[in-house]
C-alpha atoms as a PDB file:
ATOM      1  CA  UNK A   1      12.051  17.016   4.038  1.00  0.00           C
ATOM      2  CA  UNK A   2      15.462  17.983   2.777  1.00  0.00           C
ATOM      3  CA  UNK A   3      18.590  16.724   1.080  1.00  0.00           C
ATOM      4  CA  UNK A   4      21.226  15.307   3.415  1.00  0.00           C
ATOM      5  CA  UNK A   5      24.256  17.461   4.142  1.00  0.00           C
ATOM      6  CA  UNK A   6      27.707  16.214   3.213  1.00  0.00           C
ATOM      7  CA  UNK A   7      28.455  15.395   6.865  1.00  0.00           C
ATOM      8  CA  UNK A   8      25.432  13.027   7.009  1.00  0.00           C
ATOM      9  CA  UNK A   9      26.837  10.373   4.682  1.00  0.00           C
ATOM     10  CA  UNK A  10      26.990   7.707   7.397  1.00  0.00           C
ATOM     11  CA  UNK A  11      23.290   8.120   8.245  1.00  0.00           C
ATOM     12  CA  UNK A  12      22.427   8.179   4.549  1.00  0.00           C
ATOM     13  CA  UNK A  13      24.238   4.859   3.999  1.00  0.00           C
ATOM     14  CA  UNK A  14      22.613   3.348   7.105  1.00  0.00           C
ATOM     15  CA  UNK A  15      19.140   4.152   5.764  1.00  0.00           C
ATOM     16  CA  UNK A  16      20.147   2.850   2.330  1.00  0.00           C
ATOM     17  CA  UNK A  17      21.417  -0.480   3.724  1.00  0.00           C
ATOM     18  CA  UNK A  18      18.353  -0.908   5.971  1.00  0.00           C
ATOM     19  CA  UNK A  19      15.883  -0.337   3.139  1.00  0.00           C
ATOM     20  CA  UNK A  20      17.514  -1.466  -0.106  1.00  0.00           C
ATOM     21  CA  UNK A  21      17.100  -5.239   0.236  1.00  0.00           C
ATOM     22  CA  UNK A  22      13.330  -4.694   0.254  1.00  0.00           C
ATOM     23  CA  UNK A  23      13.163  -1.513  -1.852  1.00  0.00           C
ATOM     24  CA  UNK A  24      16.051  -1.521  -4.361  1.00  0.00           C
ATOM     25  CA  UNK A  25      14.990   1.929  -5.597  1.00  0.00           C
ATOM     26  CA  UNK A  26      15.191   3.571  -2.152  1.00  0.00           C
ATOM     27  CA  UNK A  27      17.968   5.805  -3.516  1.00  0.00           C
ATOM     28  CA  UNK A  28      17.210   7.016  -6.996  1.00  0.00           C
ATOM     29  CA  UNK A  29      20.334   7.604  -9.097  1.00  0.00           C
ATOM     30  CA  UNK A  30      22.757   6.253  -6.485  1.00  0.00           C
ATOM     31  CA  UNK A  31      25.255   3.569  -7.435  1.00  0.00           C
ATOM     32  CA  UNK A  32      27.302   1.664  -4.875  1.00  0.00           C
ATOM     33  CA  UNK A  33      30.600   3.405  -4.212  1.00  0.00           C
ATOM     34  CA  UNK A  34      29.493   6.723  -5.714  1.00  0.00           C
ATOM     35  CA  UNK A  35      31.098   9.622  -3.837  1.00  0.00           C
ATOM     36  CA  UNK A  36      28.430  11.135  -1.607  1.00  0.00           C
ATOM     37  CA  UNK A  37      29.250  14.675  -2.736  1.00  0.00           C
ATOM     38  CA  UNK A  38      28.667  13.599  -6.349  1.00  0.00           C
ATOM     39  CA  UNK A  39      25.336  12.004  -5.420  1.00  0.00           C
ATOM     40  CA  UNK A  40      24.170  15.265  -3.862  1.00  0.00           C
ATOM     41  CA  UNK A  41      25.243  17.088  -7.042  1.00  0.00           C
ATOM     42  CA  UNK A  42      23.240  14.621  -9.171  1.00  0.00           C
ATOM     43  CA  UNK A  43      20.129  15.246  -7.059  1.00  0.00           C
ATOM     44  CA  UNK A  44      20.547  19.014  -7.486  1.00  0.00           C
ATOM     45  CA  UNK A  45      21.019  18.603 -11.268  1.00  0.00           C
ATOM     46  CA  UNK A  46      17.948  16.405 -11.636  1.00  0.00           C
ATOM     47  CA  UNK A  47      15.845  18.857  -9.663  1.00  0.00           C
ATOM     48  CA  UNK A  48      16.808  21.479 -12.259  1.00  0.00           C
ATOM     49  CA  UNK A  49      16.211  19.081 -15.182  1.00  0.00           C
ATOM     50  CA  UNK A  50      19.942  18.778 -15.987  1.00  0.00           C
ATOM     51  CA  UNK A  51      21.488  15.451 -17.141  1.00  0.00           C
ATOM     52  CA  UNK A  52      18.258  13.514 -16.706  1.00  0.00           C
ATOM     53  CA  UNK A  53      18.183   9.888 -17.846  1.00  0.00           C
ATOM     54  CA  UNK A  54      15.920   9.214 -20.839  1.00  0.00           C
ATOM     55  CA  UNK A  55      12.200   9.240 -19.941  1.00  0.00           C
ATOM     56  CA  UNK A  56      12.829  10.885 -16.553  1.00  0.00           C
ATOM     57  CA  UNK A  57      11.378  14.226 -15.472  1.00  0.00           C
ATOM     58  CA  UNK A  58      12.756  16.885 -13.118  1.00  0.00           C
ATOM     59  CA  UNK A  59      12.210  15.834  -9.508  1.00  0.00           C
ATOM     60  CA  UNK A  60      13.021  16.794  -5.945  1.00  0.00           C
ATOM     61  CA  UNK A  61      14.453  13.807  -4.070  1.00  0.00           C
ATOM     62  CA  UNK A  62      14.319  14.567  -0.344  1.00  0.00           C
ATOM     63  CA  UNK A  63      14.806  12.746   2.940  1.00  0.00           C
ATOM     64  CA  UNK A  64      12.732  12.874   6.125  1.00  0.00           C
ATOM     65  CA  UNK A  65      14.731  13.290   9.316  1.00  0.00           C
ATOM     66  CA  UNK A  66      13.793  12.883  12.948  1.00  0.00           C
ATOM     67  CA  UNK A  67      16.697  14.368  14.814  1.00  0.00           C
ATOM     68  CA  UNK A  68      19.800  12.984  13.115  1.00  0.00           C
ATOM     69  CA  UNK A  69      18.049   9.863  11.777  1.00  0.00           C
ATOM     70  CA  UNK A  70      16.671   9.405   8.266  1.00  0.00           C
ATOM     71  CA  UNK A  71      13.219   7.860   8.662  1.00  0.00           C
ATOM     72  CA  UNK A  72      12.267   7.857   4.978  1.00  0.00           C
ATOM     73  CA  UNK A  73      12.399   9.673   1.687  1.00  0.00           C
ATOM     74  CA  UNK A  74      10.161  11.192  -0.957  1.00  0.00           C
ATOM     75  CA  UNK A  75      10.506  11.770  -4.662  1.00  0.00           C
ATOM     76  CA  UNK A  76       8.434  14.673  -5.951  1.00  0.00           C
ATOM     77  CA  UNK A  77       8.195  14.668  -9.753  1.00  0.00           C
ATOM     78  CA  UNK A  78       7.560  18.165 -11.053  1.00  0.00           C
ATOM     79  CA  UNK A  79       5.622  16.906 -14.085  1.00  0.00           C
ATOM     80  CA  UNK A  80       4.418  13.586 -15.459  1.00  0.00           C
ATOM     81  CA  UNK A  81       5.211  11.704 -18.625  1.00  0.00           C
ATOM     82  CA  UNK A  82       2.876   9.000 -19.964  1.00  0.00           C
ATOM     83  CA  UNK A  83       4.312   6.237 -17.768  1.00  0.00           C
ATOM     84  CA  UNK A  84       4.251   8.313 -14.574  1.00  0.00           C
ATOM     85  CA  UNK A  85       0.706   9.453 -15.313  1.00  0.00           C
ATOM     86  CA  UNK A  86      -0.348   5.813 -15.524  1.00  0.00           C
ATOM     87  CA  UNK A  87       1.484   4.194 -12.590  1.00  0.00           C
ATOM     88  CA  UNK A  88       4.168   6.378 -10.988  1.00  0.00           C
ATOM     89  CA  UNK A  89       2.442   9.608 -10.074  1.00  0.00           C
ATOM     90  CA  UNK A  90       3.914  12.861  -8.828  1.00  0.00           C
ATOM     91  CA  UNK A  91       5.056  11.531  -5.454  1.00  0.00           C
ATOM     92  CA  UNK A  92       6.734   8.339  -4.329  1.00  0.00           C
ATOM     93  CA  UNK A  93       7.729   7.731  -0.715  1.00  0.00           C
ATOM     94  CA  UNK A  94       9.384   5.025   1.375  1.00  0.00           C
ATOM     95  CA  UNK A  95       9.793   4.681   5.132  1.00  0.00           C
ATOM     96  CA  UNK A  96      12.911   2.967   6.530  1.00  0.00           C
ATOM     97  CA  UNK A  97      11.723  -0.398   7.970  1.00  0.00           C
ATOM     98  CA  UNK A  98      12.483   0.312  11.648  1.00  0.00           C
ATOM     99  CA  UNK A  99      10.357   3.478  11.489  1.00  0.00           C
ATOM    100  CA  UNK A 100       7.248   1.988   9.862  1.00  0.00           C
ATOM    101  CA  UNK A 101       3.813   2.013  11.504  1.00  0.00           C
ATOM    102  CA  UNK A 102       4.684   5.133  13.508  1.00  0.00           C
ATOM    103  CA  UNK A 103       2.919   7.757  11.363  1.00  0.00           C
ATOM    104  CA  UNK A 104       5.985   8.789   9.379  1.00  0.00           C
ATOM    105  CA  UNK A 105       4.528   7.890   5.963  1.00  0.00           C
ATOM    106  CA  UNK A 106       1.541  10.172   6.538  1.00  0.00           C
ATOM    107  CA  UNK A 107       3.833  13.023   7.578  1.00  0.00           C
ATOM    108  CA  UNK A 108       6.257  12.424   4.696  1.00  0.00           C
ATOM    109  CA  UNK A 109       3.460  12.481   2.131  1.00  0.00           C
ATOM    110  CA  UNK A 110       1.961  15.630   3.693  1.00  0.00           C
ATOM    111  CA  UNK A 111       5.351  17.383   3.541  1.00  0.00           C
ATOM    112  CA  UNK A 112       5.908  16.138  -0.029  1.00  0.00           C
ATOM    113  CA  UNK A 113       2.547  17.637  -1.017  1.00  0.00           C
ATOM    114  CA  UNK A 114       3.745  20.987   0.312  1.00  0.00           C
ATOM    115  CA  UNK A 115       6.859  20.714  -1.888  1.00  0.00           C
ATOM    116  CA  UNK A 116       4.661  19.661  -4.833  1.00  0.00           C
ATOM    117  CA  UNK A 117       2.530  22.757  -4.339  1.00  0.00           C
ATOM    118  CA  UNK A 118       5.635  24.826  -5.125  1.00  0.00           C
ATOM    119  CA  UNK A 119       7.348  22.577  -7.695  1.00  0.00           C
ATOM    120  CA  UNK A 120       4.405  21.212  -9.739  1.00  0.00           C
ATOM    121  CA  UNK A 121       3.299  24.591 -11.006  1.00  0.00           C
ATOM    122  CA  UNK A 122       1.449  23.245 -14.050  1.00  0.00           C
ATOM    123  CA  UNK A 123      -1.121  21.328 -12.025  1.00  0.00           C
ATOM    124  CA  UNK A 124      -3.211  21.599  -8.889  1.00  0.00           C
ATOM    125  CA  UNK A 125      -4.072  17.874  -9.140  1.00  0.00           C
ATOM    126  CA  UNK A 126      -1.366  15.571  -7.799  1.00  0.00           C
ATOM    127  CA  UNK A 127      -1.360  11.874  -8.716  1.00  0.00           C
ATOM    128  CA  UNK A 128      -0.142   9.364  -6.115  1.00  0.00           C
ATOM    129  CA  UNK A 129      -0.162   5.614  -6.730  1.00  0.00           C
ATOM    130  CA  UNK A 130       0.348   2.467  -4.683  1.00  0.00           C
ATOM    131  CA  UNK A 131      -0.010  -1.276  -5.036  1.00  0.00           C
ATOM    132  CA  UNK A 132      -3.632  -2.364  -4.765  1.00  0.00           C
ATOM    133  CA  UNK A 133      -2.793  -4.590  -1.781  1.00  0.00           C
ATOM    134  CA  UNK A 134      -0.693  -2.057   0.190  1.00  0.00           C
ATOM    135  CA  UNK A 135      -3.103  -1.197   2.998  1.00  0.00           C
ATOM    136  CA  UNK A 136      -0.599   1.084   4.743  1.00  0.00           C
ATOM    137  CA  UNK A 137      -0.116   3.248   1.646  1.00  0.00           C
ATOM    138  CA  UNK A 138      -3.835   3.251   0.914  1.00  0.00           C
ATOM    139  CA  UNK A 139      -4.499   4.653   4.407  1.00  0.00           C
ATOM    140  CA  UNK A 140      -1.607   7.132   4.099  1.00  0.00           C
ATOM    141  CA  UNK A 141      -2.833   8.500   0.784  1.00  0.00           C
ATOM    142  CA  UNK A 142      -6.449   8.712   1.923  1.00  0.00           C
ATOM    143  CA  UNK A 143      -5.441  10.481   5.180  1.00  0.00           C
ATOM    144  CA  UNK A 144      -3.776  13.091   2.975  1.00  0.00           C
ATOM    145  CA  UNK A 145      -6.916  13.737   0.915  1.00  0.00           C
ATOM    146  CA  UNK A 146      -6.410  11.119  -1.786  1.00  0.00           C
ATOM    147  CA  UNK A 147      -9.486  10.270  -3.849  1.00  0.00           C
ATOM    148  CA  UNK A 148      -9.320   6.978  -5.757  1.00  0.00           C
ATOM    149  CA  UNK A 149      -9.553   7.606  -9.504  1.00  0.00           C
ATOM    150  CA  UNK A 150      -9.041   4.068 -10.774  1.00  0.00           C
ATOM    151  CA  UNK A 151      -7.107   0.829 -10.516  1.00  0.00           C
ATOM    152  CA  UNK A 152      -4.653   0.083 -13.320  1.00  0.00           C
ATOM    153  CA  UNK A 153      -3.483  -3.380 -14.295  1.00  0.00           C
ATOM    154  CA  UNK A 154      -1.725  -4.923 -17.240  1.00  0.00           C
ATOM    155  CA  UNK A 155       0.973  -7.339 -18.342  1.00  0.00           C
ATOM    156  CA  UNK A 156       3.662  -4.734 -17.555  1.00  0.00           C
ATOM    157  CA  UNK A 157       2.694  -4.622 -13.854  1.00  0.00           C
ATOM    158  CA  UNK A 158       3.398  -7.206 -11.150  1.00  0.00           C
ATOM    159  CA  UNK A 159       0.322  -6.052  -9.236  1.00  0.00           C
ATOM    160  CA  UNK A 160      -2.598  -3.746  -9.951  1.00  0.00           C
ATOM    161  CA  UNK A 161      -1.925  -0.111  -8.987  1.00  0.00           C
ATOM    162  CA  UNK A 162      -4.365   2.241  -7.292  1.00  0.00           C
ATOM    163  CA  UNK A 163      -4.302   5.789  -8.747  1.00  0.00           C
ATOM    164  CA  UNK A 164      -5.309   8.590  -6.418  1.00  0.00           C
ATOM    165  CA  UNK A 165      -5.845  12.283  -7.045  1.00  0.00           C
ATOM    166  CA  UNK A 166      -5.071  14.869  -4.389  1.00  0.00           C
ATOM    167  CA  UNK A 167      -6.340  18.372  -5.058  1.00  0.00           C
ATOM    168  CA  UNK A 168      -3.744  20.810  -3.693  1.00  0.00           C
ATOM    169  CA  UNK A 169      -6.311  23.589  -3.438  1.00  0.00           C
ATOM    170  CA  UNK A 170      -8.366  21.509  -0.988  1.00  0.00           C
ATOM    171  CA  UNK A 171      -5.428  20.556   1.268  1.00  0.00           C
ATOM    172  CA  UNK A 172      -5.323  21.657   4.863  1.00  0.00           C
ATOM    173  CA  UNK A 173      -1.710  22.681   5.482  1.00  0.00           C
ATOM    174  CA  UNK A 174      -1.457  22.144   9.233  1.00  0.00           C
ATOM    175  CA  UNK A 175       0.705  19.130   8.575  1.00  0.00           C
ATOM    176  CA  UNK A 176       1.973  16.653  11.110  1.00  0.00           C
ATOM    177  CA  UNK A 177       5.755  16.377  10.983  1.00  0.00           C
ATOM    178  CA  UNK A 178       7.861  13.257  11.469  1.00  0.00           C
ATOM    179  CA  UNK A 179       8.449  12.644  15.154  1.00  0.00           C
END
């Protein structure tokens, strides 16, 4: 997992176009037409807690590569506010559609947990959430040591959300990597 380099803008935009119709939030903080160099600066600022939008927390926003191709991305939130504690969690991940069902989500989450181990210094308990009907994410989270804490629902949610806890001290760090 890493940030794209400036010379990888074309691949970045390809992954964005392939994923955004289905997942409009594939690229946090990106607006159409934004200079790529500026976007990379914004990601670096937000990782340091600089110029954060209201109600956002410092986060590492990283991309998973296989060779020169972006296969997915992960957002690792360094701490949680009330909303993230309830339904967002410490880690969010997305796999580009053409790379789904190939094991990349499991590898991306495992790598994101390694980043969280360094960045989320105030906790050893990572929260990861998914829609209650997302069988792929349920399997991914459970393969990475996720233990279901509860299922959250309410008028503010389109679907119930499953909340998992992953204890970083119990993780086995021989992680698979994206192929």
